């Protein structure tokens, strides 16, 4: 391969604390503009910040979950720049002494499992929001001071697909922790991409491009793929460009130049004099570690061990905490773990959209699904009938037993009744009998299908299959 892609990510995650990072204003999304503000988060004279302890706690939880080293000592800094959504003229963040360093996330890379390094996790505050109208730009400062963690990856990813896997794993972990809802459409998870390309033969490489305005994981993957092709084009033409910041144009599937990239010196970082350094003990860190919930990877491994599920099934069923909880509630009452998994993975999940930020939910209770699976396992209805019942449960929310009764789906398991149907089908299909005797096995499936059709799908297919075989041997 002549070209190698290098990708790093900067992810901003809003923390789900009740109040903002440095004041007592409510931390909430979607409220009337400029109603959740105070002198502190607006940066008015005399307003002094006070650190929300839960911001520290949630940051430590994230660091532990992402295999980071947690620093006992860290400090806040001022990052200076002018923009209308930054009323103070500086952002409170962490520069050279962040709270977490040197972590990693495991993904399935292009050449197998790989660890993508995390350089650091830092605490900071969010800025306001610009609302661009036709002629004016309006400002909503409700988001000013909302607590963030910025997660900076190492440049260990080599494709858009790997970046997407990294983000999916990260989001799942943070949601499991309960420290953020990670809703991209609400801005509680935002991602900037840094990408460049190296010519492995000549050693020549392009300048790093930062891509902003990415509002989906699919958008991240597409933006990286677009930039890779653009950078390869620069190398092949022998062209160079300055380090730039670009935005993703989702409508036209391309990146667009925004500005020349800021350098660290442009931000004039300085210690935040109104906040003392953050000092946390090893005992405090261990207390947080003990209080943390089971994480996706741990839960997936437990599903394999405890429920004897295939690795892939376990990973899908633990992809969201709601889905994992639903499965566990189901198998508390229904002990055929694989049957429960198969129905969840196929018939249930294909009717539930887990794309975007939608949570797993069904229009019926876990108990209803358990009753349906019992009816199938006990041969009271067959699989096909079960699928029909489930479809109607999704469409109407009706109880499974009511649907089975209304539609007359109880399976015929009476051998005498099935035998009458089998005899009739055999007598009406002499050619199929001849075909079977001549080694055409498909003829058996045809005959079973005719029995099922004649019984309107109610005959027990295993009994019908067995009975037809016995009769064919004696003909």
Protein backbone atom coordinates (compact mmCIF):
# COMPACT_ATOMS: atom_id res chain seq x y z
CA UNK A 1 0.00 0.00 0.00
CA UNK A 2 1.54 3.31 -1.07
CA UNK A 3 -0.48 5.63 1.16
CA UNK A 4 -1.19 5.42 4.86
CA UNK A 5 -4.04 7.33 6.49
CA UNK A 6 -3.57 8.81 9.96
CA UNK A 7 -6.67 9.81 11.94
CA UNK A 8 -7.06 11.37 15.38
CA UNK A 9 -10.28 12.53 17.04
CA UNK A 10 -11.22 15.28 19.46
CA UNK A 11 -14.55 14.48 21.09
CA UNK A 12 -16.52 16.88 23.25
CA UNK A 13 -19.05 15.22 25.56
CA UNK A 14 -21.57 17.18 27.63
CA UNK A 15 -21.92 15.71 31.13
CA UNK A 16 -25.40 15.02 32.52
CA UNK A 17 -24.97 16.91 35.78
CA UNK A 18 -28.01 18.68 37.26
CA UNK A 19 -26.24 22.05 37.30
CA UNK A 20 -23.53 23.68 35.23
CA UNK A 21 -19.80 23.29 35.71
CA UNK A 22 -19.06 26.44 37.74
CA UNK A 23 -22.45 27.83 38.83
CA UNK A 24 -25.84 26.65 40.09
CA UNK A 25 -27.75 27.24 36.83
CA UNK A 26 -29.75 24.23 35.63
CA UNK A 27 -28.04 22.05 33.04
CA UNK A 28 -30.91 21.29 30.65
CA UNK A 29 -31.51 21.09 26.90
CA UNK A 30 -34.32 22.73 24.95
CA UNK A 31 -35.41 25.40 27.42
CA UNK A 32 -36.44 28.95 26.41
CA UNK A 33 -33.31 30.74 25.12
CA UNK A 34 -31.29 32.72 27.66
CA UNK A 35 -33.33 31.57 30.68
CA UNK A 36 -30.63 29.35 32.23
CA UNK A 37 -27.96 31.97 32.82
CA UNK A 38 -26.35 33.91 35.65
CA UNK A 39 -23.44 36.37 36.13
CA UNK A 40 -20.99 33.47 36.49
CA UNK A 41 -21.75 31.60 33.27
CA UNK A 42 -22.21 34.88 31.36
CA UNK A 43 -18.84 36.15 32.60
CA UNK A 44 -20.25 39.34 34.13
CA UNK A 45 -18.10 41.43 36.51
CA UNK A 46 -17.99 39.97 40.02
CA UNK A 47 -19.12 36.49 39.05
CA UNK A 48 -16.74 33.87 40.43
CA UNK A 49 -16.73 30.18 39.41
CA UNK A 50 -17.16 27.33 41.92
CA UNK A 51 -16.37 23.81 40.64
CA UNK A 52 -19.24 21.27 40.53
CA UNK A 53 -17.90 18.13 42.29
CA UNK A 54 -19.88 15.83 39.96
CA UNK A 55 -17.88 17.16 37.02
CA UNK A 56 -14.77 15.74 38.68
CA UNK A 57 -16.54 12.48 39.57
CA UNK A 58 -17.90 11.94 36.04
CA UNK A 59 -14.50 12.76 34.52
CA UNK A 60 -12.82 10.17 36.75
CA UNK A 61 -15.49 7.60 35.80
CA UNK A 62 -14.81 8.23 32.12
CA UNK A 63 -11.07 7.95 32.67
CA UNK A 64 -11.36 4.66 34.56
CA UNK A 65 -13.71 3.18 31.94
CA UNK A 66 -11.30 4.19 29.17
CA UNK A 67 -8.25 2.68 30.90
CA UNK A 68 -6.65 6.05 31.72
CA UNK A 69 -4.24 7.08 34.43
CA UNK A 70 -6.10 9.39 36.80
CA UNK A 71 -4.03 12.33 38.05
CA UNK A 72 -4.20 13.22 41.73
CA UNK A 73 -3.34 16.82 40.80
CA UNK A 74 -4.74 18.80 37.88
CA UNK A 75 -5.56 22.44 37.22
CA UNK A 76 -7.79 24.70 35.13
CA UNK A 77 -6.61 27.18 32.50
CA UNK A 78 -8.02 30.01 30.46
CA UNK A 79 -8.16 29.51 26.68
CA UNK A 80 -8.48 32.98 25.15
CA UNK A 81 -10.26 33.65 21.88
CA UNK A 82 -13.00 35.95 20.64
CA UNK A 83 -16.27 34.63 19.30
CA UNK A 84 -19.85 35.83 20.00
CA UNK A 85 -20.81 32.59 21.79
CA UNK A 86 -17.96 33.06 24.31
CA UNK A 87 -19.11 35.95 26.47
CA UNK A 88 -16.07 35.98 28.80
CA UNK A 89 -13.58 36.10 25.95
CA UNK A 90 -12.00 32.94 27.35
CA UNK A 91 -13.02 29.35 28.02
CA UNK A 92 -12.23 27.57 31.29
CA UNK A 93 -10.49 24.35 30.27
CA UNK A 94 -7.43 22.23 31.10
CA UNK A 95 -4.25 22.56 29.08
CA UNK A 96 -1.01 21.05 30.35
CA UNK A 97 -2.33 19.35 33.50
CA UNK A 98 -5.54 17.48 32.65
CA UNK A 99 -7.28 15.01 34.92
CA UNK A 100 -6.78 11.81 32.82
CA UNK A 101 -3.99 10.56 30.52
CA UNK A 102 -2.84 7.55 28.52
CA UNK A 103 -5.96 5.43 28.06
CA UNK A 104 -7.22 3.33 25.17
CA UNK A 105 -10.27 1.82 23.49
CA UNK A 106 -10.13 -1.58 21.82
CA UNK A 107 -11.65 -1.88 18.33
CA UNK A 108 -11.65 -4.42 15.53
CA UNK A 109 -9.18 -2.77 13.17
CA UNK A 110 -8.43 -3.40 9.51
CA UNK A 111 -5.85 -6.02 10.45
CA UNK A 112 -7.55 -7.43 13.55
CA UNK A 113 -8.00 -6.23 17.14
CA UNK A 114 -6.15 -3.02 17.98
CA UNK A 115 -5.91 -0.52 20.80
CA UNK A 116 -6.57 3.10 19.90
CA UNK A 117 -4.79 5.31 22.40
CA UNK A 118 -6.37 8.18 24.31
CA UNK A 119 -3.91 11.00 24.92
CA UNK A 120 -5.94 12.79 27.56
CA UNK A 121 -9.36 13.63 28.97
CA UNK A 122 -9.79 17.19 30.18
CA UNK A 123 -12.57 19.03 31.99
CA UNK A 124 -13.91 22.25 30.51
CA UNK A 125 -17.03 24.34 29.96
CA UNK A 126 -19.22 24.64 26.88
CA UNK A 127 -19.92 27.85 25.01
CA UNK A 128 -23.20 29.40 23.89
CA UNK A 129 -25.05 28.56 20.70
CA UNK A 130 -25.34 30.69 17.55
CA UNK A 131 -28.70 30.65 15.75
CA UNK A 132 -28.12 31.80 12.18
CA UNK A 133 -31.17 33.49 10.61
CA UNK A 134 -31.53 34.88 7.08
CA UNK A 135 -30.21 38.33 7.97
CA UNK A 136 -29.14 38.07 11.61
CA UNK A 137 -27.40 35.75 14.02
CA UNK A 138 -29.07 35.31 17.41
CA UNK A 139 -27.30 34.03 20.50
CA UNK A 140 -28.61 31.54 23.07
CA UNK A 141 -26.38 31.47 26.16
CA UNK A 142 -28.16 28.63 27.99
CA UNK A 143 -25.32 26.29 27.03
CA UNK A 144 -22.60 28.58 28.44
CA UNK A 145 -20.89 26.81 31.31
CA UNK A 146 -22.40 23.38 30.67
CA UNK A 147 -19.74 20.85 31.77
CA UNK A 148 -17.77 19.03 29.10
CA UNK A 149 -15.06 16.47 28.91
CA UNK A 150 -12.84 16.67 25.88
CA UNK A 151 -11.44 13.27 24.89
CA UNK A 152 -8.37 13.54 22.69
CA UNK A 153 -7.36 10.34 20.92
CA UNK A 154 -3.90 9.49 19.70
CA UNK A 155 -3.52 9.36 15.88
CA UNK A 156 -3.83 5.56 15.89
CA UNK A 157 -6.72 5.13 13.46
CA UNK A 158 -6.14 4.43 9.79
CA UNK A 159 -9.56 4.75 8.17
CA UNK A 160 -13.00 6.27 8.49
CA UNK A 161 -14.38 2.85 9.46
CA UNK A 162 -11.96 2.57 12.39
CA UNK A 163 -12.91 6.06 13.59
CA UNK A 164 -16.57 5.13 13.47
CA UNK A 165 -15.94 1.96 15.52
CA UNK A 166 -13.98 3.99 18.06
CA UNK A 167 -16.86 6.45 18.44
CA UNK A 168 -19.49 3.72 18.70
CA UNK A 169 -17.51 1.99 21.47
CA UNK A 170 -16.93 5.30 23.24
CA UNK A 171 -20.58 6.31 23.10
CA UNK A 172 -21.77 2.93 24.38
CA UNK A 173 -19.34 3.14 27.32
CA UNK A 174 -20.30 6.68 28.32
CA UNK A 175 -24.03 5.96 28.12
CA UNK A 176 -23.57 2.80 30.21
CA UNK A 177 -21.79 4.94 32.83
CA UNK A 178 -24.78 7.29 32.91
CA UNK A 179 -22.56 10.38 32.69
CA UNK A 180 -23.91 11.62 29.32
CA UNK A 181 -26.78 10.81 26.95
CA UNK A 182 -24.37 11.37 23.99
CA UNK A 183 -27.15 12.68 21.75
CA UNK A 184 -25.43 14.11 18.68
CA UNK A 185 -28.58 15.83 17.42
CA UNK A 186 -28.73 17.80 20.70
CA UNK A 187 -25.01 18.55 20.68
CA UNK A 188 -24.16 16.53 23.77
CA UNK A 189 -21.56 14.60 21.75
CA UNK A 190 -19.57 16.50 19.14
CA UNK A 191 -16.58 15.28 17.20
CA UNK A 192 -13.76 16.97 15.30
CA UNK A 193 -11.54 14.92 13.01
CA UNK A 194 -7.82 15.39 12.36
CA UNK A 195 -6.60 13.59 9.25
CA UNK A 196 -3.57 13.48 7.00
CA UNK A 197 -1.92 11.00 4.60
CA UNK A 198 1.65 9.72 4.27
CA UNK A 199 3.27 8.43 1.09
CA UNK A 200 4.96 5.34 2.53
CA UNK A 201 7.45 5.16 -0.36
CA UNK A 202 8.76 8.73 -0.25
CA UNK A 203 7.92 9.58 3.36
CA UNK A 204 6.21 12.78 2.22
CA UNK A 205 3.04 13.64 4.14
CA UNK A 206 0.27 16.20 3.95
CA UNK A 207 -0.48 18.82 6.59
CA UNK A 208 -3.15 17.79 9.10
CA UNK A 209 -6.67 18.94 8.29
CA UNK A 210 -9.25 19.42 11.05
CA UNK A 211 -12.87 18.76 10.03
CA UNK A 212 -15.72 20.23 12.09
CA UNK A 213 -19.53 20.28 11.87
CA UNK A 214 -19.91 16.48 12.03
CA UNK A 215 -23.31 15.48 13.38
CA UNK A 216 -23.29 11.69 12.95
CA UNK A 217 -20.87 8.78 13.09
CA UNK A 218 -21.66 8.08 9.46
CA UNK A 219 -20.74 11.71 8.72
CA UNK A 220 -17.39 11.23 10.48
CA UNK A 221 -16.62 8.19 8.34
CA UNK A 222 -17.63 9.92 5.11
CA UNK A 223 -15.68 13.09 5.93
CA UNK A 224 -12.51 11.09 6.63
CA UNK A 225 -12.89 9.09 3.42
CA UNK A 226 -13.38 12.33 1.45
CA UNK A 227 -10.34 13.98 3.03
CA UNK A 228 -8.16 10.91 2.40
CA UNK A 229 -8.92 11.09 -1.32
CA UNK A 230 -8.32 14.86 -1.32
CA UNK A 231 -4.97 14.48 0.48
CA UNK A 232 -3.84 11.70 -1.86
CA UNK A 233 -4.69 14.05 -4.73
CA UNK A 234 -2.46 16.74 -3.19
CA UNK A 235 0.44 14.29 -2.89
CA UNK A 236 0.04 13.03 -6.44
CA UNK A 237 -0.01 16.59 -7.81
CA UNK A 238 2.94 17.64 -5.66
CA UNK A 239 0.81 20.38 -4.05
CA UNK A 240 0.99 21.62 -0.48
CA UNK A 241 -1.50 23.52 1.66
CA UNK A 242 -1.36 25.18 5.07
CA UNK A 243 -2.88 23.42 8.05
CA UNK A 244 -6.60 24.18 7.71
CA UNK A 245 -9.92 23.82 9.45
CA UNK A 246 -12.75 22.61 7.23
CA UNK A 247 -16.40 21.84 7.78
CA UNK A 248 -18.42 18.90 6.50
CA UNK A 249 -21.12 19.78 3.98
CA UNK A 250 -23.56 16.91 4.46
CA UNK A 251 -25.80 17.97 1.57
CA UNK A 252 -22.97 17.77 -0.97
CA UNK A 253 -20.87 15.07 0.74
CA UNK A 254 -17.69 17.12 0.80
CA UNK A 255 -15.57 19.27 3.10
CA UNK A 256 -15.42 23.06 2.71
CA UNK A 257 -12.60 25.38 3.82
CA UNK A 258 -13.41 27.47 6.92
CA UNK A 259 -10.11 29.03 8.01
CA UNK A 260 -6.40 28.52 8.54
CA UNK A 261 -5.90 26.41 11.68
CA UNK A 262 -5.22 28.20 14.96
CA UNK A 263 -1.96 27.35 16.72
CA UNK A 264 -1.64 26.81 20.47
CA UNK A 265 0.06 30.19 20.81
CA UNK A 266 -3.04 31.90 19.40
CA UNK A 267 -5.05 30.83 22.46
CA UNK A 268 -2.65 32.43 25.00
CA UNK A 269 -3.27 29.73 27.61
CA UNK A 270 -2.85 30.93 31.22
CA UNK A 271 -3.73 29.38 34.60
CA UNK A 272 -7.31 30.05 35.77
CA UNK A 273 -6.72 32.26 38.82
CA UNK A 274 -10.27 32.01 40.16
CA UNK A 275 -10.17 28.23 40.61
CA UNK A 276 -7.75 26.30 42.83
CA UNK A 277 -5.99 23.17 41.53
CA UNK A 278 -8.01 19.96 41.69
CA UNK A 279 -6.62 17.54 44.28
CA UNK A 280 -8.12 14.04 44.49
CA UNK A 281 -6.90 11.09 46.56
CA UNK A 282 -6.33 7.48 45.54
CA UNK A 283 -9.08 6.53 48.00
CA UNK A 284 -11.54 8.83 46.20
CA UNK A 285 -10.61 7.29 42.85
CA UNK A 286 -11.07 3.74 44.21
CA UNK A 287 -14.42 4.68 45.73
CA UNK A 288 -15.58 5.85 42.29
CA UNK A 289 -14.20 2.69 40.66
CA UNK A 290 -16.20 0.47 43.05
CA UNK A 291 -19.40 2.40 42.36
CA UNK A 292 -19.20 2.10 38.57
CA UNK A 293 -21.72 -0.09 36.70
CA UNK A 294 -20.88 -3.09 34.53
CA UNK A 295 -19.55 -1.82 31.19
CA UNK A 296 -20.42 -3.11 27.68
CA UNK A 297 -17.32 -5.28 27.21
CA UNK A 298 -17.64 -6.84 30.66
CA UNK A 299 -21.35 -7.45 30.10
CA UNK A 300 -20.72 -9.00 26.69
CA UNK A 301 -18.16 -11.43 28.15
CA UNK A 302 -20.60 -12.33 30.92
CA UNK A 303 -23.38 -12.99 28.39
CA UNK A 304 -21.08 -15.44 26.57
CA UNK A 305 -20.16 -17.20 29.79
CA UNK A 306 -23.49 -17.11 31.64
CA UNK A 307 -25.94 -17.55 28.78
CA UNK A 308 -23.67 -19.54 26.42
CA UNK A 309 -24.29 -17.07 23.59
CA UNK A 310 -22.09 -16.64 20.50
CA UNK A 311 -19.72 -13.68 20.81
CA UNK A 312 -21.48 -11.75 18.04
CA UNK A 313 -24.91 -12.18 19.65
CA UNK A 314 -23.56 -11.06 23.02
CA UNK A 315 -21.99 -7.95 21.50
CA UNK A 316 -25.23 -6.96 19.74
CA UNK A 317 -27.40 -7.62 22.80
CA UNK A 318 -25.12 -5.48 24.99
CA UNK A 319 -24.73 -2.67 22.45
CA UNK A 320 -27.16 -0.53 24.50
CA UNK A 321 -27.99 -0.78 28.17
CA UNK A 322 -31.74 -0.86 27.45
CA UNK A 323 -31.38 -3.80 25.05
CA UNK A 324 -29.17 -5.72 27.49
CA UNK A 325 -31.60 -5.13 30.35
CA UNK A 326 -34.54 -6.25 28.20
CA UNK A 327 -32.79 -9.52 27.31
CA UNK A 328 -31.86 -10.20 30.93
CA UNK A 329 -35.43 -9.58 32.11
CA UNK A 330 -36.64 -11.98 29.41
CA UNK A 331 -34.30 -14.83 30.36
CA UNK A 332 -35.09 -14.42 34.05
CA UNK A 333 -38.45 -15.98 33.16
CA UNK A 334 -37.59 -17.94 30.01
CA UNK A 335 -34.62 -20.28 30.36
CA UNK A 336 -33.98 -21.08 26.69
CA UNK A 337 -31.25 -18.46 26.35
CA UNK A 338 -30.42 -19.16 22.71
CA UNK A 339 -34.03 -19.15 21.57
CA UNK A 340 -34.55 -15.84 23.37
CA UNK A 341 -31.39 -14.45 21.74
CA UNK A 342 -32.37 -15.66 18.26
CA UNK A 343 -35.79 -14.03 18.44
CA UNK A 344 -34.36 -10.82 19.87
CA UNK A 345 -31.61 -10.68 17.22
CA UNK A 346 -33.87 -11.38 14.26
CA UNK A 347 -37.58 -10.80 14.69
CA UNK A 348 -37.47 -8.15 17.41
CA UNK A 349 -34.46 -6.02 16.37
CA UNK A 350 -35.50 -5.81 12.74
CA UNK A 351 -38.62 -3.97 13.95
CA UNK A 352 -36.77 -1.63 16.32
CA UNK A 353 -34.60 1.18 14.96
CA UNK A 354 -31.41 1.46 17.01
CA UNK A 355 -29.86 3.99 14.64
CA UNK A 356 -28.99 7.45 15.88
CA UNK A 357 -29.84 8.06 19.51
CA UNK A 358 -33.07 6.07 19.74
CA UNK A 359 -33.33 3.89 22.84
CA UNK A 360 -34.46 0.28 22.58
CA UNK A 361 -38.14 -0.10 23.46
CA UNK A 362 -41.10 -2.20 22.38
CA UNK A 363 -44.85 -1.43 22.48
CA UNK A 364 -45.38 -4.49 24.71
CA UNK A 365 -43.96 -5.80 27.97
CA UNK A 366 -41.14 -8.33 28.36
CA UNK A 367 -43.71 -10.68 29.89
CA UNK A 368 -45.66 -10.66 26.59
CA UNK A 369 -42.62 -11.74 24.58
CA UNK A 370 -41.94 -14.47 27.15
CA UNK A 371 -45.51 -15.81 26.75
CA UNK A 372 -45.16 -15.84 22.95
CA UNK A 373 -41.87 -17.76 23.09
CA UNK A 374 -43.43 -20.28 25.49
CA UNK A 375 -46.27 -20.89 23.04
CA UNK A 376 -43.73 -21.62 20.29
CA UNK A 377 -41.47 -23.79 22.44
CA UNK A 378 -44.40 -25.85 23.71
CA UNK A 379 -45.53 -26.43 20.08
CA UNK A 380 -48.84 -24.67 20.67
CA UNK A 381 -48.06 -22.48 17.65
CA UNK A 382 -45.36 -22.88 15.03
CA UNK A 383 -42.56 -20.45 14.16
CA UNK A 384 -44.35 -18.84 11.25
CA UNK A 385 -47.44 -18.25 13.36
CA UNK A 386 -45.20 -16.82 16.06
CA UNK A 387 -43.76 -14.31 13.60
CA UNK A 388 -47.29 -13.23 12.62
CA UNK A 389 -48.24 -12.79 16.26
CA UNK A 390 -45.09 -10.74 16.99
CA UNK A 391 -45.74 -8.50 14.00
CA UNK A 392 -49.25 -7.74 15.28
CA UNK A 393 -47.90 -7.17 18.80
CA UNK A 394 -45.65 -4.46 17.36
CA UNK A 395 -48.43 -2.97 15.24
CA UNK A 396 -51.26 -3.03 17.80
CA UNK A 397 -49.73 -3.70 21.21
CA UNK A 398 -52.22 -6.55 21.74
CA UNK A 399 -51.47 -9.49 24.02
CA UNK A 400 -50.06 -12.60 22.30
CA UNK A 401 -52.69 -15.03 23.61
CA UNK A 402 -55.48 -12.71 22.41
CA UNK A 403 -53.95 -12.56 18.92
CA UNK A 404 -53.48 -16.35 18.78
CA UNK A 405 -57.12 -16.86 19.77
CA UNK A 406 -58.50 -14.21 17.39
CA UNK A 407 -56.60 -15.59 14.41
CA UNK A 408 -57.09 -19.27 15.26
CA UNK A 409 -53.36 -20.00 15.19
CA UNK A 410 -53.24 -22.87 17.69
CA UNK A 411 -51.06 -25.56 16.13
CA UNK A 412 -52.61 -28.90 15.19
CA UNK A 413 -50.63 -31.59 17.00
CA UNK A 414 -53.31 -34.26 16.94
CA UNK A 415 -51.76 -37.12 14.89
CA UNK A 416 -55.11 -38.34 13.64
CA UNK A 417 -56.07 -34.96 12.25
CA UNK A 418 -52.67 -34.44 10.64
CA UNK A 419 -52.73 -37.93 9.16
CA UNK A 420 -56.00 -37.18 7.33
CA UNK A 421 -54.39 -34.13 5.72
CA UNK A 422 -51.19 -36.07 4.88
CA UNK A 423 -53.15 -38.90 3.22
CA UNK A 424 -55.08 -36.40 1.13
CA UNK A 425 -51.93 -34.58 -0.03
CA UNK A 426 -50.11 -37.82 -0.90
CA UNK A 427 -53.06 -39.06 -2.93
CA UNK A 428 -53.25 -35.78 -4.85
CA UNK A 429 -49.52 -35.63 -5.71
CA UNK A 430 -48.38 -38.92 -7.29
CA UNK A 431 -45.67 -37.14 -9.32
CA UNK A 432 -44.04 -35.81 -6.13
CA UNK A 433 -43.96 -39.35 -4.72
CA UNK A 434 -42.28 -40.59 -7.89
CA UNK A 435 -39.79 -37.71 -7.75
CA UNK A 436 -38.88 -38.52 -4.14
CA UNK A 437 -38.29 -42.17 -4.99
CA UNK A 438 -36.01 -41.04 -7.81
CA UNK A 439 -33.81 -39.18 -5.32
CA UNK A 440 -35.28 -35.70 -5.58
CA UNK A 441 -35.30 -34.67 -1.93
CA UNK A 442 -37.02 -31.38 -2.69
CA UNK A 443 -40.22 -33.34 -3.29
CA UNK A 444 -40.45 -34.00 0.46
CA UNK A 445 -40.33 -30.28 1.21
CA UNK A 446 -43.03 -29.70 -1.38
CA UNK A 447 -45.33 -32.27 0.24
CA UNK A 448 -44.77 -30.80 3.71
CA UNK A 449 -45.52 -27.37 2.29
CA UNK A 450 -48.79 -28.65 0.83
CA UNK A 451 -49.78 -30.06 4.21
CA UNK A 452 -49.06 -26.71 5.84
CA UNK A 453 -51.06 -24.93 3.17
CA UNK A 454 -54.01 -27.30 3.55
CA UNK A 455 -53.97 -26.81 7.33
CA UNK A 456 -53.62 -23.02 6.93
CA UNK A 457 -50.27 -23.17 8.64
CA UNK A 458 -51.58 -24.85 11.77
CA UNK A 459 -50.16 -28.37 11.35
CA UNK A 460 -47.13 -29.24 13.42
CA UNK A 461 -44.46 -29.26 10.68
CA UNK A 462 -42.20 -31.74 12.51
CA UNK A 463 -45.06 -34.23 12.90
CA UNK A 464 -46.14 -33.70 9.28
CA UNK A 465 -42.56 -34.24 8.02
CA UNK A 466 -42.15 -37.43 10.08
CA UNK A 467 -45.51 -38.82 9.01
CA UNK A 468 -44.91 -38.18 5.30
CA UNK A 469 -41.52 -39.89 5.48
CA UNK A 470 -43.01 -42.98 7.10
CA UNK A 471 -45.75 -43.19 4.50
CA UNK A 472 -43.34 -42.73 1.58
CA UNK A 473 -41.25 -45.66 2.84
CA UNK A 474 -44.29 -47.89 2.68
CA UNK A 475 -45.42 -46.87 -0.79
